N, C-alpha and C. Protein backbone atom coordinates (compact mmCIF):
# COMPACT_ATOMS: atom_id res chain seq x y z
N UNK A 1 0.83 -1.20 0.00
CA UNK A 1 0.00 0.00 0.00
C UNK A 1 0.87 1.26 0.00
N UNK A 2 1.96 1.26 0.76
CA UNK A 2 2.81 2.44 0.80
C UNK A 2 3.46 2.70 -0.55
N UNK A 3 3.73 1.67 -1.31
CA UNK A 3 4.26 1.82 -2.66
C UNK A 3 3.25 2.54 -3.54
N UNK A 4 1.97 2.21 -3.38
CA UNK A 4 0.92 2.86 -4.16
C UNK A 4 0.89 4.36 -3.88
N UNK A 5 1.05 4.74 -2.62
CA UNK A 5 1.01 6.15 -2.25
C UNK A 5 2.13 6.91 -2.95
N UNK A 6 3.30 6.33 -2.99
CA UNK A 6 4.43 7.01 -3.63
C UNK A 6 4.27 7.04 -5.15
N UNK A 7 3.47 6.15 -5.71
CA UNK A 7 3.27 6.11 -7.16
C UNK A 7 2.11 6.99 -7.63
N UNK A 8 1.35 7.56 -6.71
CA UNK A 8 0.22 8.41 -7.11
C UNK A 8 0.75 9.63 -7.86
N UNK A 9 0.08 9.95 -8.93
CA UNK A 9 0.42 11.14 -9.72
C UNK A 9 -0.30 12.32 -9.04
N UNK A 10 0.43 13.00 -8.16
CA UNK A 10 -0.19 14.02 -7.31
C UNK A 10 -0.65 15.25 -8.09
N UNK A 11 0.00 15.55 -9.21
CA UNK A 11 -0.48 16.64 -10.05
C UNK A 11 -1.86 16.29 -10.61
N UNK A 12 -2.06 15.04 -10.99
CA UNK A 12 -3.37 14.59 -11.47
C UNK A 12 -4.42 14.73 -10.38
N UNK A 13 -4.04 14.41 -9.14
CA UNK A 13 -4.96 14.55 -8.01
C UNK A 13 -5.35 16.02 -7.85
N UNK A 14 -4.38 16.92 -7.97
CA UNK A 14 -4.67 18.36 -7.83
C UNK A 14 -5.55 18.86 -8.98
N UNK A 15 -5.28 18.42 -10.19
CA UNK A 15 -6.09 18.82 -11.35
C UNK A 15 -7.52 18.30 -11.18
N UNK A 16 -7.66 17.04 -10.79
CA UNK A 16 -8.99 16.46 -10.59
C UNK A 16 -9.72 17.16 -9.44
N UNK A 17 -8.99 17.54 -8.41
CA UNK A 17 -9.59 18.26 -7.28
C UNK A 17 -10.09 19.63 -7.74
N UNK A 18 -9.32 20.31 -8.57
CA UNK A 18 -9.75 21.61 -9.10
C UNK A 18 -11.01 21.45 -9.95
N UNK A 19 -11.04 20.41 -10.78
CA UNK A 19 -12.23 20.15 -11.61
C UNK A 19 -13.44 19.85 -10.72
N UNK A 20 -13.24 19.04 -9.70
CA UNK A 20 -14.30 18.69 -8.74
C UNK A 20 -14.84 19.96 -8.08
N UNK A 21 -13.95 20.84 -7.67
CA UNK A 21 -14.34 22.08 -6.99
C UNK A 21 -15.10 23.00 -7.94
N UNK A 22 -14.62 23.15 -9.16
CA UNK A 22 -15.30 24.02 -10.14
C UNK A 22 -16.66 23.46 -10.52
N UNK A 23 -16.72 22.14 -10.69
CA UNK A 23 -18.01 21.51 -10.99
C UNK A 23 -18.98 21.73 -9.82
N UNK A 24 -18.48 21.63 -8.60
CA UNK A 24 -19.32 21.89 -7.43
C UNK A 24 -19.84 23.31 -7.41
N UNK A 25 -18.98 24.26 -7.75
CA UNK A 25 -19.42 25.65 -7.81
C UNK A 25 -20.52 25.84 -8.84
N UNK A 26 -20.32 25.28 -10.03
CA UNK A 26 -21.33 25.38 -11.08
C UNK A 26 -22.63 24.69 -10.68
N UNK A 27 -22.50 23.52 -10.05
CA UNK A 27 -23.68 22.75 -9.66
C UNK A 27 -24.48 23.46 -8.58
N UNK A 28 -23.80 23.82 -7.49
CA UNK A 28 -24.52 24.34 -6.33
C UNK A 28 -24.85 25.83 -6.43
N UNK A 29 -24.06 26.59 -7.20
CA UNK A 29 -24.37 28.01 -7.35
C UNK A 29 -25.18 28.29 -8.61
N UNK A 30 -25.30 27.29 -9.48
CA UNK A 30 -26.05 27.47 -10.71
C UNK A 30 -27.19 26.50 -10.87
N UNK A 31 -26.86 25.24 -11.11
CA UNK A 31 -27.86 24.22 -11.46
C UNK A 31 -28.92 24.04 -10.38
N UNK A 32 -28.52 23.90 -9.14
CA UNK A 32 -29.48 23.63 -8.06
C UNK A 32 -29.57 24.75 -7.03
N UNK A 33 -29.09 25.93 -7.38
CA UNK A 33 -29.04 27.04 -6.41
C UNK A 33 -30.41 27.33 -5.78
N UNK A 34 -31.45 27.35 -6.57
CA UNK A 34 -32.78 27.69 -6.04
C UNK A 34 -33.44 26.51 -5.34
N UNK A 35 -32.94 25.30 -5.57
CA UNK A 35 -33.54 24.11 -4.96
C UNK A 35 -32.89 23.76 -3.62
N UNK A 36 -31.67 24.22 -3.41
CA UNK A 36 -30.89 23.79 -2.24
C UNK A 36 -31.54 24.24 -0.93
N UNK A 37 -31.94 25.49 -0.85
CA UNK A 37 -32.59 26.00 0.36
C UNK A 37 -33.86 25.22 0.69
N UNK A 38 -34.78 25.06 -0.26
CA UNK A 38 -35.98 24.27 0.02
C UNK A 38 -35.67 22.82 0.44
N UNK A 39 -34.63 22.24 -0.12
CA UNK A 39 -34.26 20.88 0.26
C UNK A 39 -33.84 20.81 1.72
N UNK A 40 -33.30 21.92 2.21
CA UNK A 40 -32.89 21.99 3.62
C UNK A 40 -33.98 22.58 4.51
N UNK A 41 -35.09 23.00 3.91
CA UNK A 41 -36.15 23.63 4.68
C UNK A 41 -35.78 25.05 5.11
N UNK A 42 -34.95 25.73 4.30
CA UNK A 42 -34.50 27.08 4.63
C UNK A 42 -34.78 28.02 3.47
N UNK A 43 -35.14 29.24 3.81
CA UNK A 43 -35.39 30.23 2.77
C UNK A 43 -34.36 31.35 2.79
N UNK A 44 -33.38 31.28 3.67
CA UNK A 44 -32.42 32.37 3.85
C UNK A 44 -31.08 32.13 3.17
N UNK A 45 -30.93 31.08 2.38
CA UNK A 45 -29.62 30.75 1.81
C UNK A 45 -29.27 31.58 0.59
N UNK A 46 -30.24 32.06 -0.17
CA UNK A 46 -29.97 32.79 -1.40
C UNK A 46 -29.17 34.07 -1.15
N UNK A 47 -29.38 34.72 -0.03
CA UNK A 47 -28.74 36.01 0.23
C UNK A 47 -27.42 35.89 0.97
N UNK A 48 -27.02 34.70 1.38
CA UNK A 48 -25.79 34.53 2.14
C UNK A 48 -24.58 34.43 1.23
N UNK A 49 -23.48 35.05 1.69
CA UNK A 49 -22.21 34.90 0.99
C UNK A 49 -21.51 33.67 1.53
N UNK A 50 -20.81 32.91 0.67
CA UNK A 50 -20.13 31.71 1.13
C UNK A 50 -19.01 32.05 2.14
N UNK A 51 -18.96 31.30 3.20
CA UNK A 51 -17.91 31.48 4.21
C UNK A 51 -16.65 30.71 3.77
N UNK A 52 -15.56 30.97 4.48
CA UNK A 52 -14.31 30.25 4.20
C UNK A 52 -14.50 28.75 4.40
N UNK A 53 -15.24 28.37 5.43
CA UNK A 53 -15.50 26.95 5.69
C UNK A 53 -16.32 26.33 4.56
N UNK A 54 -17.31 27.06 4.08
CA UNK A 54 -18.16 26.55 2.99
C UNK A 54 -17.37 26.34 1.70
N UNK A 55 -16.36 27.14 1.50
CA UNK A 55 -15.51 26.98 0.31
C UNK A 55 -14.36 26.01 0.55
N UNK A 56 -13.67 26.17 1.67
CA UNK A 56 -12.49 25.36 1.95
C UNK A 56 -12.80 23.93 2.34
N UNK A 57 -13.89 23.71 3.06
CA UNK A 57 -14.25 22.37 3.52
C UNK A 57 -14.45 21.40 2.37
N UNK A 58 -15.30 21.73 1.40
CA UNK A 58 -15.48 20.83 0.26
C UNK A 58 -14.21 20.66 -0.57
N UNK A 59 -13.39 21.69 -0.63
CA UNK A 59 -12.13 21.57 -1.38
C UNK A 59 -11.22 20.53 -0.73
N UNK A 60 -11.06 20.61 0.58
CA UNK A 60 -10.21 19.65 1.29
C UNK A 60 -10.81 18.25 1.24
N UNK A 61 -12.12 18.15 1.45
CA UNK A 61 -12.78 16.83 1.39
C UNK A 61 -12.67 16.24 -0.01
N UNK A 62 -12.82 17.07 -1.03
CA UNK A 62 -12.67 16.60 -2.40
C UNK A 62 -11.26 16.08 -2.66
N UNK A 63 -10.27 16.78 -2.13
CA UNK A 63 -8.88 16.34 -2.28
C UNK A 63 -8.68 14.95 -1.66
N UNK A 64 -9.25 14.74 -0.49
CA UNK A 64 -9.12 13.43 0.17
C UNK A 64 -9.83 12.35 -0.63
N UNK A 65 -11.05 12.64 -1.09
CA UNK A 65 -11.79 11.65 -1.89
C UNK A 65 -11.06 11.30 -3.17
N UNK A 66 -10.52 12.30 -3.83
CA UNK A 66 -9.87 12.07 -5.11
C UNK A 66 -8.53 11.36 -4.92
N UNK A 67 -7.81 11.70 -3.87
CA UNK A 67 -6.57 10.97 -3.58
C UNK A 67 -6.87 9.50 -3.30
N UNK A 68 -7.96 9.24 -2.60
CA UNK A 68 -8.37 7.86 -2.34
C UNK A 68 -8.74 7.15 -3.63
N UNK A 69 -9.46 7.83 -4.50
CA UNK A 69 -9.80 7.24 -5.80
C UNK A 69 -8.55 6.96 -6.61
N UNK A 70 -7.56 7.85 -6.55
CA UNK A 70 -6.30 7.62 -7.27
C UNK A 70 -5.62 6.36 -6.77
N UNK A 71 -5.61 6.18 -5.45
CA UNK A 71 -5.02 4.96 -4.88
C UNK A 71 -5.76 3.72 -5.36
N UNK A 72 -7.08 3.78 -5.35
CA UNK A 72 -7.88 2.63 -5.78
C UNK A 72 -7.71 2.34 -7.27
N UNK A 73 -7.68 3.40 -8.09
CA UNK A 73 -7.46 3.20 -9.53
C UNK A 73 -6.13 2.49 -9.78
N UNK A 74 -5.11 2.86 -9.03
CA UNK A 74 -3.81 2.20 -9.19
C UNK A 74 -3.84 0.78 -8.67
N UNK A 75 -4.43 0.59 -7.51
CA UNK A 75 -4.47 -0.75 -6.92
C UNK A 75 -5.24 -1.72 -7.82
N UNK A 76 -6.29 -1.22 -8.44
CA UNK A 76 -7.11 -2.07 -9.33
C UNK A 76 -6.55 -2.15 -10.74
N UNK A 77 -5.53 -1.35 -11.00
CA UNK A 77 -4.89 -1.33 -12.32
C UNK A 77 -5.92 -1.15 -13.44
N UNK A 78 -6.74 -0.13 -13.30
CA UNK A 78 -7.77 0.17 -14.29
C UNK A 78 -7.09 0.44 -15.64
N UNK A 79 -7.44 -0.36 -16.68
CA UNK A 79 -6.66 -0.31 -17.93
C UNK A 79 -7.19 0.60 -19.04
N UNK A 80 -8.45 1.05 -18.98
CA UNK A 80 -9.01 1.81 -20.10
C UNK A 80 -9.85 2.97 -19.60
N UNK A 81 -10.11 3.91 -20.51
CA UNK A 81 -11.01 5.02 -20.17
C UNK A 81 -12.40 4.50 -19.80
N UNK A 82 -12.87 3.51 -20.53
CA UNK A 82 -14.19 2.94 -20.24
C UNK A 82 -14.28 2.41 -18.82
N UNK A 83 -13.24 1.71 -18.40
CA UNK A 83 -13.24 1.18 -17.04
C UNK A 83 -13.04 2.28 -16.01
N UNK A 84 -12.35 3.36 -16.38
CA UNK A 84 -12.22 4.50 -15.48
C UNK A 84 -13.59 5.15 -15.27
N UNK A 85 -14.38 5.22 -16.34
CA UNK A 85 -15.74 5.76 -16.23
C UNK A 85 -16.59 4.86 -15.33
N UNK A 86 -16.50 3.56 -15.55
CA UNK A 86 -17.26 2.61 -14.71
C UNK A 86 -16.81 2.74 -13.26
N UNK A 87 -15.51 2.86 -13.03
CA UNK A 87 -15.00 3.04 -11.68
C UNK A 87 -15.62 4.29 -11.04
N UNK A 88 -15.63 5.41 -11.79
CA UNK A 88 -16.23 6.64 -11.28
C UNK A 88 -17.71 6.48 -10.97
N UNK A 89 -18.43 5.74 -11.83
CA UNK A 89 -19.85 5.48 -11.58
C UNK A 89 -20.05 4.63 -10.33
N UNK A 90 -19.21 3.62 -10.15
CA UNK A 90 -19.33 2.75 -8.97
C UNK A 90 -19.08 3.54 -7.70
N UNK A 91 -18.02 4.36 -7.69
CA UNK A 91 -17.72 5.17 -6.51
C UNK A 91 -18.85 6.18 -6.27
N UNK A 92 -19.28 6.87 -7.33
CA UNK A 92 -20.33 7.87 -7.19
C UNK A 92 -21.67 7.31 -6.76
N UNK A 93 -22.09 6.25 -7.45
CA UNK A 93 -23.41 5.66 -7.15
C UNK A 93 -23.36 4.71 -5.97
N UNK A 94 -22.23 4.03 -5.80
CA UNK A 94 -22.16 3.00 -4.76
C UNK A 94 -21.71 3.49 -3.40
N UNK A 95 -20.91 4.56 -3.37
CA UNK A 95 -20.43 5.09 -2.09
C UNK A 95 -20.96 6.49 -1.80
N UNK A 96 -20.77 7.40 -2.75
CA UNK A 96 -21.08 8.79 -2.46
C UNK A 96 -22.58 9.07 -2.37
N UNK A 97 -23.38 8.49 -3.26
CA UNK A 97 -24.82 8.70 -3.19
C UNK A 97 -25.42 8.16 -1.89
N UNK A 98 -25.09 6.93 -1.48
CA UNK A 98 -25.61 6.46 -0.18
C UNK A 98 -25.09 7.30 0.99
N UNK A 99 -23.87 7.85 0.87
CA UNK A 99 -23.35 8.71 1.92
C UNK A 99 -24.21 9.97 2.04
N UNK A 100 -24.57 10.56 0.90
CA UNK A 100 -25.42 11.75 0.91
C UNK A 100 -26.76 11.42 1.57
N UNK A 101 -27.34 10.30 1.20
CA UNK A 101 -28.63 9.91 1.77
C UNK A 101 -28.52 9.64 3.26
N UNK A 102 -27.45 9.00 3.67
CA UNK A 102 -27.25 8.71 5.09
C UNK A 102 -27.15 10.01 5.89
N UNK A 103 -26.43 10.99 5.36
CA UNK A 103 -26.31 12.28 6.04
C UNK A 103 -27.67 12.97 6.12
N UNK A 104 -28.46 12.87 5.05
CA UNK A 104 -29.74 13.57 5.00
C UNK A 104 -30.82 12.93 5.87
N UNK A 105 -30.64 11.67 6.25
CA UNK A 105 -31.65 11.02 7.08
C UNK A 105 -31.38 11.36 8.54
N UNK A 106 -31.79 12.53 8.93
CA UNK A 106 -31.74 12.96 10.32
C UNK A 106 -32.74 14.10 10.47
N UNK A 107 -33.08 14.45 11.68
CA UNK A 107 -34.13 15.46 11.88
C UNK A 107 -33.81 16.84 11.32
N UNK A 108 -32.56 17.14 11.03
CA UNK A 108 -32.20 18.46 10.51
C UNK A 108 -32.45 18.62 9.01
N UNK A 109 -32.76 17.53 8.34
CA UNK A 109 -33.05 17.57 6.91
C UNK A 109 -34.52 17.21 6.72
N UNK A 110 -35.38 18.20 6.48
CA UNK A 110 -36.81 17.91 6.39
C UNK A 110 -37.19 17.13 5.13
N UNK A 111 -36.36 17.19 4.10
CA UNK A 111 -36.67 16.52 2.83
C UNK A 111 -35.47 15.71 2.38
N UNK A 112 -35.15 14.60 3.06
CA UNK A 112 -33.93 13.85 2.76
C UNK A 112 -33.87 13.29 1.34
N UNK A 113 -35.00 12.86 0.81
CA UNK A 113 -34.98 12.30 -0.55
C UNK A 113 -34.75 13.40 -1.58
N UNK A 114 -35.37 14.55 -1.38
CA UNK A 114 -35.17 15.69 -2.28
C UNK A 114 -33.72 16.17 -2.19
N UNK A 115 -33.20 16.27 -0.98
CA UNK A 115 -31.80 16.66 -0.78
C UNK A 115 -30.86 15.71 -1.53
N UNK A 116 -31.11 14.43 -1.40
CA UNK A 116 -30.28 13.44 -2.09
C UNK A 116 -30.44 13.57 -3.60
N UNK A 117 -31.64 13.79 -4.07
CA UNK A 117 -31.91 13.93 -5.50
C UNK A 117 -31.14 15.09 -6.12
N UNK A 118 -30.98 16.19 -5.40
CA UNK A 118 -30.27 17.32 -6.00
C UNK A 118 -28.76 17.26 -5.76
N UNK A 119 -28.30 16.48 -4.79
CA UNK A 119 -26.87 16.37 -4.50
C UNK A 119 -26.19 15.19 -5.19
N UNK A 120 -26.85 14.05 -5.23
CA UNK A 120 -26.23 12.82 -5.74
C UNK A 120 -25.72 12.96 -7.17
N UNK A 121 -26.47 13.59 -8.09
CA UNK A 121 -25.94 13.68 -9.46
C UNK A 121 -24.58 14.40 -9.53
N UNK A 122 -24.40 15.41 -8.69
CA UNK A 122 -23.11 16.10 -8.65
C UNK A 122 -22.00 15.14 -8.24
N UNK A 123 -22.23 14.36 -7.20
CA UNK A 123 -21.19 13.45 -6.73
C UNK A 123 -20.89 12.34 -7.74
N UNK A 124 -21.90 11.85 -8.41
CA UNK A 124 -21.67 10.83 -9.44
C UNK A 124 -20.89 11.44 -10.61
N UNK A 125 -21.35 12.58 -11.11
CA UNK A 125 -20.67 13.24 -12.22
C UNK A 125 -19.24 13.62 -11.86
N UNK A 126 -19.07 14.17 -10.68
CA UNK A 126 -17.73 14.57 -10.23
C UNK A 126 -16.80 13.37 -10.10
N UNK A 127 -17.34 12.26 -9.63
CA UNK A 127 -16.54 11.05 -9.49
C UNK A 127 -16.09 10.54 -10.85
N UNK A 128 -16.98 10.58 -11.82
CA UNK A 128 -16.62 10.14 -13.17
C UNK A 128 -15.58 11.07 -13.78
N UNK A 129 -15.81 12.37 -13.69
CA UNK A 129 -14.86 13.35 -14.24
C UNK A 129 -13.49 13.18 -13.58
N UNK A 130 -13.47 13.06 -12.28
CA UNK A 130 -12.21 12.90 -11.54
C UNK A 130 -11.49 11.62 -11.95
N UNK A 131 -12.23 10.54 -12.10
CA UNK A 131 -11.63 9.27 -12.48
C UNK A 131 -11.02 9.35 -13.88
N UNK A 132 -11.70 10.01 -14.80
CA UNK A 132 -11.17 10.16 -16.15
C UNK A 132 -9.91 11.03 -16.14
N UNK A 133 -9.91 12.10 -15.37
CA UNK A 133 -8.72 12.95 -15.28
C UNK A 133 -7.56 12.17 -14.68
N UNK A 134 -7.82 11.45 -13.60
CA UNK A 134 -6.76 10.65 -12.98
C UNK A 134 -6.20 9.63 -13.95
N UNK A 135 -7.09 8.95 -14.69
CA UNK A 135 -6.63 7.95 -15.65
C UNK A 135 -5.83 8.62 -16.78
N UNK A 136 -6.32 9.73 -17.28
CA UNK A 136 -5.67 10.42 -18.40
C UNK A 136 -4.26 10.87 -18.04
N UNK A 137 -4.06 11.24 -16.79
CA UNK A 137 -2.75 11.76 -16.37
C UNK A 137 -1.87 10.71 -15.72
N UNK A 138 -2.36 9.50 -15.61
CA UNK A 138 -1.64 8.41 -14.94
C UNK A 138 -0.41 8.05 -15.66
């Protein structure tokens, strides 16, 4: 496992993290901007400016997720772009989507299914894009 860490193409991880972050900005500030507040049962989100935590937290978490995906792509020796796409779909649909739903199933999320519906596509798409970038730069 330690050999895999030293073999990770860290520039690819940074590029994929940047793509993940930009896609998140487009998704949450554009595509689902008007739906996000209602999914959380809040009407005050449209007028708020993003805090440092709101920007930095997802960036750091994305870096960790993508570095982990890079390790797994290497360990599994994914050989083609097609399999990199499938890998991204498996991670997005198999891990990240259930994680979003698990987080949303608590009393602080009044509409957990709606919240998952507007968040999960971003995580699946981001996982696929990140996997393709990692594979392309491997």
